[in-house]
Amino acid sequence: DKALLLSEGSTKAQGVPEAVMNIYNAMLPDLTFVPEPMEASAETTRPLKSGNQQVQFTNVRLLDENRAPVNTVEVGQAVTLELVIQVNTPKDSLTVGYEIKDRLGYSIFGTNSFGHGIEINEFVEGETFSVQFSFSANLGPGAYSISCALHTGATHVDTCFEWRDLALTFDVLNINKKSFIGACWIEPEITVIR
């Protein structure tokens, strides 16, 4: 598979679809951000940051139940995504979000504070704080990445402070669940009626 990214009539990136999509996502909130033309390959798939950096991530970690950083989790394991944030310019409001992607770059799940009605308001310059998203890793076995965003409103296409693709990667292993296929673990209750 190969993807091509065009901007103002010229090629800005081509190659591995996930790498090209990372560049495209970086361009969405800030049309003045135009990368130099590049060949995007699996080897060049790396964390990509965009946004005005008025508010930014200083640390992104996936934590287990004991608050220890992990990069491998079990299907269904309770984890916490911790996003440490620094305010460089005072802001009235902020939306914090994340997206989980599979190894091919397909979005598996994404959400943000705005969509949950959580208001994060009134920040002063130099302030540092964290936002934590706790969830069960009900994902199928495989490799995943997390992208995260700081912005106003519902999406990072609004005023974007930072969009970070490939902020972290992690693997999911099926250690103790029954055998299954697919992108998520949805435990069924099976009843046989005769």
C-alpha atoms as a PDB file:
ATOM      1  CA  ASP A   1       0.000   0.000   0.000  1.00  0.00           C
ATOM      2  CA  LYS A   2       1.118   3.533  -0.725  1.00  0.00           C
ATOM      3  CA  ALA A   3      -0.418   6.928   0.012  1.00  0.00           C
ATOM      4  CA  LEU A   4       0.146  10.321  -1.594  1.00  0.00           C
ATOM      5  CA  LEU A   5      -0.396  13.688   0.140  1.00  0.00           C
ATOM      6  CA  LEU A   6      -0.905  16.738  -2.050  1.00  0.00           C
ATOM      7  CA  SER A   7      -0.976  20.354  -0.882  1.00  0.00           C
ATOM      8  CA  GLU A   8      -1.492  23.346  -3.146  1.00  0.00           C
ATOM      9  CA  GLY A   9      -0.847  21.202  -6.208  1.00  0.00           C
ATOM     10  CA  SER A  10       2.431  19.662  -5.105  1.00  0.00           C
ATOM     11  CA  THR A  11       3.389  16.384  -3.451  1.00  0.00           C
ATOM     12  CA  LYS A  12       4.181  16.813   0.239  1.00  0.00           C
ATOM     13  CA  ALA A  13       4.532  13.156   1.241  1.00  0.00           C
ATOM     14  CA  GLN A  14       4.243   9.735  -0.260  1.00  0.00           C
ATOM     15  CA  GLY A  15       4.808   6.222   0.962  1.00  0.00           C
ATOM     16  CA  VAL A  16       3.538   4.150   3.896  1.00  0.00           C
ATOM     17  CA  PRO A  17      -0.098   5.178   4.574  1.00  0.00           C
ATOM     18  CA  GLU A  18       0.311   5.512   8.373  1.00  0.00           C
ATOM     19  CA  ALA A  19       3.286   7.848   8.008  1.00  0.00           C
ATOM     20  CA  VAL A  20       1.491   9.940   5.371  1.00  0.00           C
ATOM     21  CA  MET A  21      -1.634  10.131   7.569  1.00  0.00           C
ATOM     22  CA  ASN A  22       0.495  11.367  10.488  1.00  0.00           C
ATOM     23  CA  ILE A  23       1.663  14.260   8.299  1.00  0.00           C
ATOM     24  CA  TYR A  24      -1.887  14.930   7.079  1.00  0.00           C
ATOM     25  CA  ASN A  25      -3.215  15.043  10.668  1.00  0.00           C
ATOM     26  CA  ALA A  26      -0.478  17.514  11.552  1.00  0.00           C
ATOM     27  CA  MET A  27      -1.559  19.768   8.674  1.00  0.00           C
ATOM     28  CA  LEU A  28      -5.301  19.765   9.530  1.00  0.00           C
ATOM     29  CA  PRO A  29      -5.401  22.252  12.414  1.00  0.00           C
ATOM     30  CA  ASP A  30      -2.747  24.571  11.019  1.00  0.00           C
ATOM     31  CA  LEU A  31      -2.879  25.147   7.296  1.00  0.00           C
ATOM     32  CA  THR A  32       0.327  27.171   7.582  1.00  0.00           C
ATOM     33  CA  PHE A  33       2.165  23.961   8.600  1.00  0.00           C
ATOM     34  CA  VAL A  34       3.455  22.556   5.342  1.00  0.00           C
ATOM     35  CA  PRO A  35       6.138  19.902   5.646  1.00  0.00           C
ATOM     36  CA  GLU A  36       9.011  19.628   3.226  1.00  0.00           C
ATOM     37  CA  PRO A  37       8.334  16.950   0.597  1.00  0.00           C
ATOM     38  CA  MET A  38       9.348  13.552   1.978  1.00  0.00           C
ATOM     39  CA  GLU A  39       9.272   9.841   1.278  1.00  0.00           C
ATOM     40  CA  ALA A  40       7.313   8.334   4.162  1.00  0.00           C
ATOM     41  CA  SER A  41       8.386   4.792   4.994  1.00  0.00           C
ATOM     42  CA  ALA A  42       7.932   2.438   7.938  1.00  0.00           C
ATOM     43  CA  GLU A  43      11.395   3.505   9.089  1.00  0.00           C
ATOM     44  CA  THR A  44      10.393   7.179   9.064  1.00  0.00           C
ATOM     45  CA  THR A  45       7.180   6.541  10.991  1.00  0.00           C
ATOM     46  CA  ARG A  46       8.045   8.434  14.139  1.00  0.00           C
ATOM     47  CA  PRO A  47       6.323  10.716  16.630  1.00  0.00           C
ATOM     48  CA  LEU A  48       5.065  13.786  14.812  1.00  0.00           C
ATOM     49  CA  LYS A  49       4.119  16.929  16.709  1.00  0.00           C
ATOM     50  CA  SER A  50       2.179  19.884  15.406  1.00  0.00           C
ATOM     51  CA  GLY A  51       0.249  22.802  16.865  1.00  0.00           C
ATOM     52  CA  ASN A  52       1.235  26.189  18.255  1.00  0.00           C
ATOM     53  CA  GLN A  53       2.761  24.725  21.493  1.00  0.00           C
ATOM     54  CA  GLN A  54       1.046  27.328  23.714  1.00  0.00           C
ATOM     55  CA  VAL A  55       0.055  24.291  25.767  1.00  0.00           C
ATOM     56  CA  GLN A  56       2.071  21.083  25.362  1.00  0.00           C
ATOM     57  CA  PHE A  57       2.633  17.555  26.598  1.00  0.00           C
ATOM     58  CA  THR A  58       5.723  17.029  28.747  1.00  0.00           C
ATOM     59  CA  ASN A  59       5.104  13.328  29.371  1.00  0.00           C
ATOM     60  CA  VAL A  60       2.801  10.589  28.057  1.00  0.00           C
ATOM     61  CA  ARG A  61       2.722   7.281  29.958  1.00  0.00           C
ATOM     62  CA  LEU A  62       0.631   4.142  30.103  1.00  0.00           C
ATOM     63  CA  LEU A  63       0.413   2.899  33.711  1.00  0.00           C
ATOM     64  CA  ASP A  64      -0.711  -0.387  35.256  1.00  0.00           C
ATOM     65  CA  GLU A  65      -2.850  -0.805  38.395  1.00  0.00           C
ATOM     66  CA  ASN A  66       0.202  -0.065  40.587  1.00  0.00           C
ATOM     67  CA  ARG A  67       1.007   3.115  38.616  1.00  0.00           C
ATOM     68  CA  ALA A  68       4.093   1.507  37.061  1.00  0.00           C
ATOM     69  CA  PRO A  69       4.792   2.415  33.408  1.00  0.00           C
ATOM     70  CA  VAL A  70       4.039  -0.446  30.986  1.00  0.00           C
ATOM     71  CA  ASN A  71       4.484  -1.102  27.284  1.00  0.00           C
ATOM     72  CA  THR A  72       2.877  -4.570  27.306  1.00  0.00           C
ATOM     73  CA  VAL A  73      -0.585  -5.234  28.736  1.00  0.00           C
ATOM     74  CA  GLU A  74      -2.987  -8.172  28.896  1.00  0.00           C
ATOM     75  CA  VAL A  75      -6.358  -8.208  27.151  1.00  0.00           C
ATOM     76  CA  GLY A  76      -8.801  -6.565  29.578  1.00  0.00           C
ATOM     77  CA  GLN A  77      -6.124  -5.228  31.943  1.00  0.00           C
ATOM     78  CA  ALA A  78      -6.950  -2.010  33.799  1.00  0.00           C
ATOM     79  CA  VAL A  79      -4.601   0.770  32.678  1.00  0.00           C
ATOM     80  CA  THR A  80      -4.324   4.533  32.974  1.00  0.00           C
ATOM     81  CA  LEU A  81      -3.132   6.851  30.244  1.00  0.00           C
ATOM     82  CA  GLU A  82      -1.405   9.740  32.011  1.00  0.00           C
ATOM     83  CA  LEU A  83      -0.880  12.946  30.039  1.00  0.00           C
ATOM     84  CA  VAL A  84       1.321  15.549  31.756  1.00  0.00           C
ATOM     85  CA  ILE A  85       0.659  19.026  30.402  1.00  0.00           C
ATOM     86  CA  GLN A  86       2.501  22.350  30.628  1.00  0.00           C
ATOM     87  CA  VAL A  87       0.883  25.724  29.972  1.00  0.00           C
ATOM     88  CA  ASN A  88       3.190  28.123  28.116  1.00  0.00           C
ATOM     89  CA  THR A  89       0.558  30.798  27.436  1.00  0.00           C
ATOM     90  CA  PRO A  90      -2.465  31.489  29.706  1.00  0.00           C
ATOM     91  CA  LYS A  91      -5.681  29.880  28.411  1.00  0.00           C
ATOM     92  CA  ASP A  92      -9.345  30.018  29.397  1.00  0.00           C
ATOM     93  CA  SER A  93     -10.248  26.469  28.400  1.00  0.00           C
ATOM     94  CA  LEU A  94      -8.685  23.285  27.091  1.00  0.00           C
ATOM     95  CA  THR A  95      -9.753  19.974  25.580  1.00  0.00           C
ATOM     96  CA  VAL A  96      -7.530  16.936  26.156  1.00  0.00           C
ATOM     97  CA  GLY A  97      -7.968  13.797  24.085  1.00  0.00           C
ATOM     98  CA  TYR A  98      -6.391  10.607  22.833  1.00  0.00           C
ATOM     99  CA  GLU A  99      -6.781   8.051  20.076  1.00  0.00           C
ATOM    100  CA  ILE A 100      -5.703   4.405  20.014  1.00  0.00           C
ATOM    101  CA  LYS A 101      -4.574   3.088  16.621  1.00  0.00           C
ATOM    102  CA  ASP A 102      -3.705  -0.430  15.542  1.00  0.00           C
ATOM    103  CA  ARG A 103      -0.416  -1.375  13.860  1.00  0.00           C
ATOM    104  CA  LEU A 104      -1.841  -0.362  10.466  1.00  0.00           C
ATOM    105  CA  GLY A 105      -2.816   3.084  11.716  1.00  0.00           C
ATOM    106  CA  TYR A 106      -6.558   2.398  11.859  1.00  0.00           C
ATOM    107  CA  SER A 107      -8.394   4.219  14.614  1.00  0.00           C
ATOM    108  CA  ILE A 108      -9.665   1.742  17.227  1.00  0.00           C
ATOM    109  CA  PHE A 109     -10.967   4.232  19.771  1.00  0.00           C
ATOM    110  CA  GLY A 110     -10.691   7.923  20.513  1.00  0.00           C
ATOM    111  CA  THR A 111     -12.276  10.367  22.917  1.00  0.00           C
ATOM    112  CA  ASN A 112     -11.651  13.672  24.668  1.00  0.00           C
ATOM    113  CA  SER A 113     -12.664  15.691  27.693  1.00  0.00           C
ATOM    114  CA  PHE A 114     -15.033  17.875  25.621  1.00  0.00           C
ATOM    115  CA  GLY A 115     -17.011  14.831  24.453  1.00  0.00           C
ATOM    116  CA  HIS A 116     -17.440  13.726  28.068  1.00  0.00           C
ATOM    117  CA  GLY A 117     -18.566  17.162  29.262  1.00  0.00           C
ATOM    118  CA  ILE A 118     -15.429  17.631  31.385  1.00  0.00           C
ATOM    119  CA  GLU A 119     -14.467  21.294  31.615  1.00  0.00           C
ATOM    120  CA  ILE A 120     -10.778  22.089  32.045  1.00  0.00           C
ATOM    121  CA  ASN A 121     -10.614  25.839  32.638  1.00  0.00           C
ATOM    122  CA  GLU A 122      -8.389  28.785  33.559  1.00  0.00           C
ATOM    123  CA  PHE A 123      -4.685  28.107  33.244  1.00  0.00           C
ATOM    124  CA  VAL A 124      -1.745  30.302  34.105  1.00  0.00           C
ATOM    125  CA  GLU A 125       1.615  30.420  32.388  1.00  0.00           C
ATOM    126  CA  GLY A 126       4.050  27.847  33.749  1.00  0.00           C
ATOM    127  CA  GLU A 127       1.345  25.654  35.290  1.00  0.00           C
ATOM    128  CA  THR A 128       1.866  21.896  34.982  1.00  0.00           C
ATOM    129  CA  PHE A 129      -0.881  19.339  35.601  1.00  0.00           C
ATOM    130  CA  SER A 130      -1.953  15.894  34.448  1.00  0.00           C
ATOM    131  CA  VAL A 131      -5.077  14.417  32.927  1.00  0.00           C
ATOM    132  CA  GLN A 132      -5.637  10.699  33.361  1.00  0.00           C
ATOM    133  CA  PHE A 133      -7.854   8.420  31.304  1.00  0.00           C
ATOM    134  CA  SER A 134      -8.437   5.059  33.027  1.00  0.00           C
ATOM    135  CA  PHE A 135      -9.875   2.153  31.057  1.00  0.00           C
ATOM    136  CA  SER A 136      -9.750  -1.598  30.525  1.00  0.00           C
ATOM    137  CA  ALA A 137      -7.551  -2.564  27.582  1.00  0.00           C
ATOM    138  CA  ASN A 138     -10.298  -4.593  25.909  1.00  0.00           C
ATOM    139  CA  LEU A 139      -8.275  -4.830  22.727  1.00  0.00           C
ATOM    140  CA  GLY A 140      -7.320  -7.767  20.569  1.00  0.00           C
ATOM    141  CA  PRO A 141      -3.740  -9.046  20.740  1.00  0.00           C
ATOM    142  CA  GLY A 142      -1.347  -6.906  18.707  1.00  0.00           C
ATOM    143  CA  ALA A 143       0.649  -3.706  18.493  1.00  0.00           C
ATOM    144  CA  TYR A 144      -0.994  -0.325  19.146  1.00  0.00           C
ATOM    145  CA  SER A 145      -0.071   3.341  19.315  1.00  0.00           C
ATOM    146  CA  ILE A 146      -1.609   6.310  21.101  1.00  0.00           C
ATOM    147  CA  SER A 147      -1.944   9.790  19.642  1.00  0.00           C
ATOM    148  CA  CYS A 148      -2.924  12.656  21.918  1.00  0.00           C
ATOM    149  CA  ALA A 149      -4.202  16.185  21.453  1.00  0.00           C
ATOM    150  CA  LEU A 150      -4.526  19.511  23.271  1.00  0.00           C
ATOM    151  CA  HIS A 151      -6.955  21.922  21.665  1.00  0.00           C
ATOM    152  CA  THR A 152     -10.109  23.988  22.079  1.00  0.00           C
ATOM    153  CA  GLY A 153     -13.588  22.740  21.247  1.00  0.00           C
ATOM    154  CA  ALA A 154     -14.595  19.298  20.026  1.00  0.00           C
ATOM    155  CA  THR A 155     -11.688  18.392  17.727  1.00  0.00           C
ATOM    156  CA  HIS A 156      -8.029  19.190  17.114  1.00  0.00           C
ATOM    157  CA  VAL A 157      -9.115  20.939  13.915  1.00  0.00           C
ATOM    158  CA  ASP A 158     -10.207  23.816  16.164  1.00  0.00           C
ATOM    159  CA  THR A 159      -7.348  25.792  17.740  1.00  0.00           C
ATOM    160  CA  CYS A 160      -4.671  23.140  18.175  1.00  0.00           C
ATOM    161  CA  PHE A 161      -2.025  23.582  20.860  1.00  0.00           C
ATOM    162  CA  GLU A 162      -0.418  20.177  20.294  1.00  0.00           C
ATOM    163  CA  TRP A 163      -1.255  17.092  18.271  1.00  0.00           C
ATOM    164  CA  ARG A 164       1.197  14.255  18.865  1.00  0.00           C
ATOM    165  CA  ASP A 165       0.987  11.139  16.721  1.00  0.00           C
ATOM    166  CA  LEU A 166       2.733   8.002  18.012  1.00  0.00           C
ATOM    167  CA  ALA A 167       3.054   9.536  21.484  1.00  0.00           C
ATOM    168  CA  LEU A 168       3.596   6.005  22.756  1.00  0.00           C
ATOM    169  CA  THR A 169       3.350   2.430  21.562  1.00  0.00           C
ATOM    170  CA  PHE A 170       2.312  -0.703  23.425  1.00  0.00           C
ATOM    171  CA  ASP A 171       1.532  -4.364  22.845  1.00  0.00           C
ATOM    172  CA  VAL A 172      -1.494  -6.354  23.970  1.00  0.00           C
ATOM    173  CA  LEU A 173      -1.168 -10.072  24.767  1.00  0.00           C
ATOM    174  CA  ASN A 174      -3.936 -12.596  25.379  1.00  0.00           C
ATOM    175  CA  ILE A 175      -2.792 -14.404  28.511  1.00  0.00           C
ATOM    176  CA  ASN A 176      -6.010 -15.459  30.257  1.00  0.00           C
ATOM    177  CA  LYS A 177      -9.028 -14.768  28.031  1.00  0.00           C
ATOM    178  CA  LYS A 178     -10.712 -17.390  25.878  1.00  0.00           C
ATOM    179  CA  SER A 179      -9.529 -17.528  22.278  1.00  0.00           C
ATOM    180  CA  PHE A 180     -10.940 -14.788  20.021  1.00  0.00           C
ATOM    181  CA  ILE A 181     -10.172 -12.800  16.885  1.00  0.00           C
ATOM    182  CA  GLY A 182     -10.660  -9.140  16.101  1.00  0.00           C
ATOM    183  CA  ALA A 183      -9.757  -5.708  17.390  1.00  0.00           C
ATOM    184  CA  CYS A 184     -11.590  -5.854  20.721  1.00  0.00           C
ATOM    185  CA  TRP A 185     -12.554  -8.172  23.564  1.00  0.00           C
ATOM    186  CA  ILE A 186     -16.330  -8.257  24.074  1.00  0.00           C
ATOM    187  CA  GLU A 187     -16.970 -11.125  26.453  1.00  0.00           C
ATOM    188  CA  PRO A 188     -20.170 -12.927  25.483  1.00  0.00           C
ATOM    189  CA  GLU A 189     -22.487 -14.877  27.691  1.00  0.00           C
ATOM    190  CA  ILE A 190     -23.331 -18.052  25.748  1.00  0.00           C
ATOM    191  CA  THR A 191     -26.600 -19.838  26.373  1.00  0.00           C
ATOM    192  CA  VAL A 192     -27.754 -22.996  24.610  1.00  0.00           C
ATOM    193  CA  ILE A 193     -31.537 -23.377  24.519  1.00  0.00           C
ATOM    194  CA  ARG A 194     -32.914 -26.728  23.399  1.00  0.00           C
END
